[in-house]
Amino acid sequence: MARTVYYVASSLDGFIADPQDNLDWLMQFNGVEGVQDTYADFFAGVGAMVMGSATYQFILKAGPWDYGNTPTWVFTHHELPGIPGADITFVRGEVPLFHEAICADAGEKDVWVVGGGPLAGQYLAAGLLHEMILTLVPVTLGRGKPLLPVPTAAPAELLGTRVLGGSMVELRYRFAKTR
């Protein structure tokens, strides 16, 4: 069965976006040595993606859709437009209701929890989040959208680290309780 991985970048103070969902603070690091290679290696192992409506709407605004026909599941309570040529399924409900179908779409590859923090938190709370690959970016935002807005008492196991461009650190964690 597919693993579920939260692949995400965060400011040093634990935010994945500023209060207005702006990512300019992060995008300034796209050209840093190793960033694009790390992303390409990760995405090569992705068979399906899940995201919340705010992340989907951000991608719609930023354009273009760079994920080809990778099956994408959007958890939303809103009516949202599709993207021509993209394999997008809009769903309403709790993560466990759809997890099996999402994993079936991923096949032997991973499910990427693209964002945001509340959706990743639902996966974690349900015991369905296997790993988090977190890139710490050397900026502080002071406030914004939190990395994981749910508490967890069980410690995650550090699987590895990697320095990107001399300024960022990628941390790979496995969560203790997964189904």
Protein backbone atom coordinates (compact mmCIF):
# COMPACT_ATOMS: atom_id res chain seq x y z
CA MET A 1 0.00 0.00 0.00
CA ALA A 2 1.11 3.56 -0.66
CA ARG A 3 2.81 5.62 2.03
CA THR A 4 1.35 9.00 2.91
CA VAL A 5 4.00 11.75 3.04
CA TYR A 6 3.64 15.39 4.06
CA TYR A 7 6.32 17.08 1.91
CA VAL A 8 6.46 20.69 3.04
CA ALA A 9 8.61 23.74 3.73
CA SER A 10 8.32 25.82 6.87
CA SER A 11 9.79 29.01 8.25
CA LEU A 12 12.03 28.60 11.29
CA ASP A 13 9.10 29.60 13.49
CA GLY A 14 6.81 26.89 12.10
CA PHE A 15 4.66 28.55 9.42
CA ILE A 16 3.99 27.22 5.91
CA ALA A 17 2.45 30.47 4.64
CA ASP A 18 2.05 34.01 5.88
CA PRO A 19 -1.39 35.18 7.12
CA GLN A 20 -2.44 36.07 3.54
CA ASP A 21 -1.33 32.66 2.16
CA ASN A 22 1.65 34.36 0.52
CA LEU A 23 4.71 32.23 -0.25
CA ASP A 24 7.13 34.90 -1.53
CA TRP A 25 9.32 34.25 1.52
CA LEU A 26 9.72 30.65 0.29
CA MET A 27 9.90 31.23 -3.47
CA GLN A 28 13.07 33.31 -3.09
CA PHE A 29 14.86 30.01 -2.32
CA ASN A 30 13.73 28.11 -5.46
CA GLY A 31 17.11 28.63 -7.13
CA VAL A 32 19.15 27.42 -4.16
CA GLU A 33 21.44 24.49 -4.98
CA GLY A 34 19.68 21.17 -4.46
CA VAL A 35 16.12 22.47 -4.10
CA GLN A 36 14.86 21.57 -7.59
CA ASP A 37 16.70 18.22 -7.62
CA THR A 38 15.25 17.27 -4.22
CA TYR A 39 11.75 18.17 -5.40
CA ALA A 40 12.15 16.26 -8.69
CA ASP A 41 13.39 13.16 -6.85
CA PHE A 42 10.46 13.33 -4.43
CA PHE A 43 7.82 13.94 -7.12
CA ALA A 44 9.09 10.99 -9.18
CA GLY A 45 7.85 8.76 -6.34
CA VAL A 46 4.40 10.38 -6.08
CA GLY A 47 1.40 8.46 -7.38
CA ALA A 48 -1.38 10.68 -6.01
CA MET A 49 -1.73 14.03 -4.27
CA VAL A 50 -4.12 15.38 -1.64
CA MET A 51 -4.64 19.00 -0.70
CA GLY A 52 -7.10 21.34 0.94
CA SER A 53 -9.10 23.96 -0.89
CA ALA A 54 -6.82 26.86 0.13
CA THR A 55 -3.80 25.08 -1.38
CA TYR A 56 -5.76 24.25 -4.53
CA GLN A 57 -6.94 27.84 -4.90
CA PHE A 58 -3.37 29.08 -4.40
CA ILE A 59 -2.18 26.77 -7.20
CA LEU A 60 -5.02 27.97 -9.45
CA LYS A 61 -3.94 31.60 -8.93
CA ALA A 62 -0.22 30.92 -9.27
CA GLY A 63 -0.63 28.66 -12.33
CA PRO A 64 0.19 26.72 -14.35
CA TRP A 65 -0.75 23.20 -13.22
CA ASP A 66 2.65 21.45 -13.10
CA TYR A 67 1.49 18.03 -11.93
CA GLY A 68 0.43 16.48 -15.23
CA ASN A 69 -2.27 13.87 -14.83
CA THR A 70 -1.21 12.80 -11.32
CA PRO A 71 -4.48 11.92 -9.54
CA THR A 72 -5.26 14.76 -7.16
CA TRP A 73 -7.85 14.77 -4.39
CA VAL A 74 -9.02 18.14 -3.07
CA PHE A 75 -10.77 18.22 0.30
CA THR A 76 -13.17 21.14 0.20
CA HIS A 77 -16.53 22.52 1.27
CA HIS A 78 -16.56 24.91 -1.71
CA GLU A 79 -17.50 24.58 -5.36
CA LEU A 80 -14.20 24.90 -7.20
CA PRO A 81 -13.34 24.81 -10.89
CA GLY A 82 -11.44 21.90 -12.36
CA ILE A 83 -8.37 22.18 -14.56
CA PRO A 84 -8.56 20.88 -18.14
CA GLY A 85 -6.44 17.75 -18.57
CA ALA A 86 -5.88 17.30 -14.82
CA ASP A 87 -7.21 14.29 -12.89
CA ILE A 88 -8.86 16.07 -9.95
CA THR A 89 -11.45 14.67 -7.56
CA PHE A 90 -13.22 17.05 -5.17
CA VAL A 91 -14.38 15.47 -1.92
CA ARG A 92 -16.19 16.48 1.25
CA GLY A 93 -15.68 14.55 4.44
CA GLU A 94 -13.08 13.11 6.75
CA VAL A 95 -9.75 11.82 5.48
CA PRO A 96 -10.31 8.15 6.51
CA LEU A 97 -13.40 7.94 4.28
CA PHE A 98 -11.28 8.46 1.16
CA HIS A 99 -7.86 7.15 2.17
CA GLU A 100 -8.21 3.71 0.60
CA ALA A 101 -9.32 5.14 -2.76
CA ILE A 102 -6.53 7.72 -2.70
CA CYS A 103 -3.96 4.98 -2.00
CA ALA A 104 -5.43 2.90 -4.84
CA ASP A 105 -4.87 5.88 -7.18
CA ALA A 106 -1.25 6.11 -5.99
CA GLY A 107 -0.59 2.43 -6.73
CA GLU A 108 2.91 1.47 -5.59
CA LYS A 109 3.95 5.13 -5.25
CA ASP A 110 3.46 7.61 -2.40
CA VAL A 111 0.53 9.87 -1.60
CA TRP A 112 1.76 13.45 -1.24
CA VAL A 113 -0.09 15.54 1.33
CA VAL A 114 0.56 18.86 -0.40
CA GLY A 115 -1.15 21.06 2.13
CA GLY A 116 -2.13 22.61 4.16
CA GLY A 117 -1.43 22.12 7.80
CA PRO A 118 -5.03 21.31 8.83
CA LEU A 119 -5.26 18.51 6.24
CA ALA A 120 -1.89 17.09 7.28
CA GLY A 121 -3.13 17.33 10.87
CA GLN A 122 -6.19 15.25 9.96
CA TYR A 123 -3.93 12.59 8.46
CA LEU A 124 -1.73 12.61 11.56
CA ALA A 125 -4.67 12.48 13.98
CA ALA A 126 -6.18 9.55 12.04
CA GLY A 127 -2.87 7.64 12.18
CA LEU A 128 -2.58 7.77 8.38
CA LEU A 129 0.50 9.98 8.00
CA HIS A 130 3.60 7.85 7.52
CA GLU A 131 6.28 10.48 7.00
CA MET A 132 6.96 14.18 6.90
CA ILE A 133 9.74 15.63 4.79
CA LEU A 134 10.19 19.11 6.19
CA THR A 135 12.50 21.73 4.72
CA LEU A 136 13.33 24.43 7.25
CA VAL A 137 13.77 27.77 5.50
CA PRO A 138 15.97 30.38 7.25
CA VAL A 139 13.34 33.08 7.70
CA THR A 140 10.83 33.87 10.44
CA LEU A 141 7.31 35.05 9.71
CA GLY A 142 6.03 35.80 13.21
CA ARG A 143 2.55 34.55 12.32
CA GLY A 144 0.77 32.72 9.56
CA LYS A 145 -0.49 29.24 8.69
CA PRO A 146 1.01 26.65 11.07
CA LEU A 147 2.93 23.60 9.91
CA LEU A 148 0.79 21.17 11.95
CA PRO A 149 -2.05 22.70 13.96
CA VAL A 150 -2.74 19.51 15.95
CA PRO A 151 -0.83 18.31 19.00
CA THR A 152 0.88 14.94 19.02
CA ALA A 153 2.36 13.37 22.11
CA ALA A 154 4.14 10.51 20.33
CA PRO A 155 7.59 11.58 19.13
CA ALA A 156 8.42 11.22 15.47
CA GLU A 157 11.54 9.27 14.49
CA LEU A 158 14.20 11.25 12.61
CA LEU A 159 15.16 9.24 9.53
CA GLY A 160 17.65 11.64 7.99
CA THR A 161 18.78 15.17 7.28
CA ARG A 162 20.17 16.99 4.29
CA VAL A 163 21.54 20.51 3.86
CA LEU A 164 20.27 22.39 0.81
CA GLY A 165 22.40 25.22 -0.53
CA GLY A 166 24.08 25.84 2.79
CA SER A 167 21.04 27.66 4.17
CA MET A 168 18.14 25.19 4.41
CA VAL A 169 17.82 21.84 6.16
CA GLU A 170 15.60 19.00 5.02
CA LEU A 171 14.42 16.79 7.88
CA ARG A 172 12.78 13.43 7.25
CA TYR A 173 10.56 12.04 10.03
CA ARG A 174 8.51 8.86 10.43
CA PHE A 175 5.42 9.01 12.61
CA ALA A 176 4.96 6.25 15.16
CA LYS A 177 1.29 5.43 14.66
CA THR A 178 0.27 4.66 11.10
CA ARG A 179 -2.33 2.31 9.75
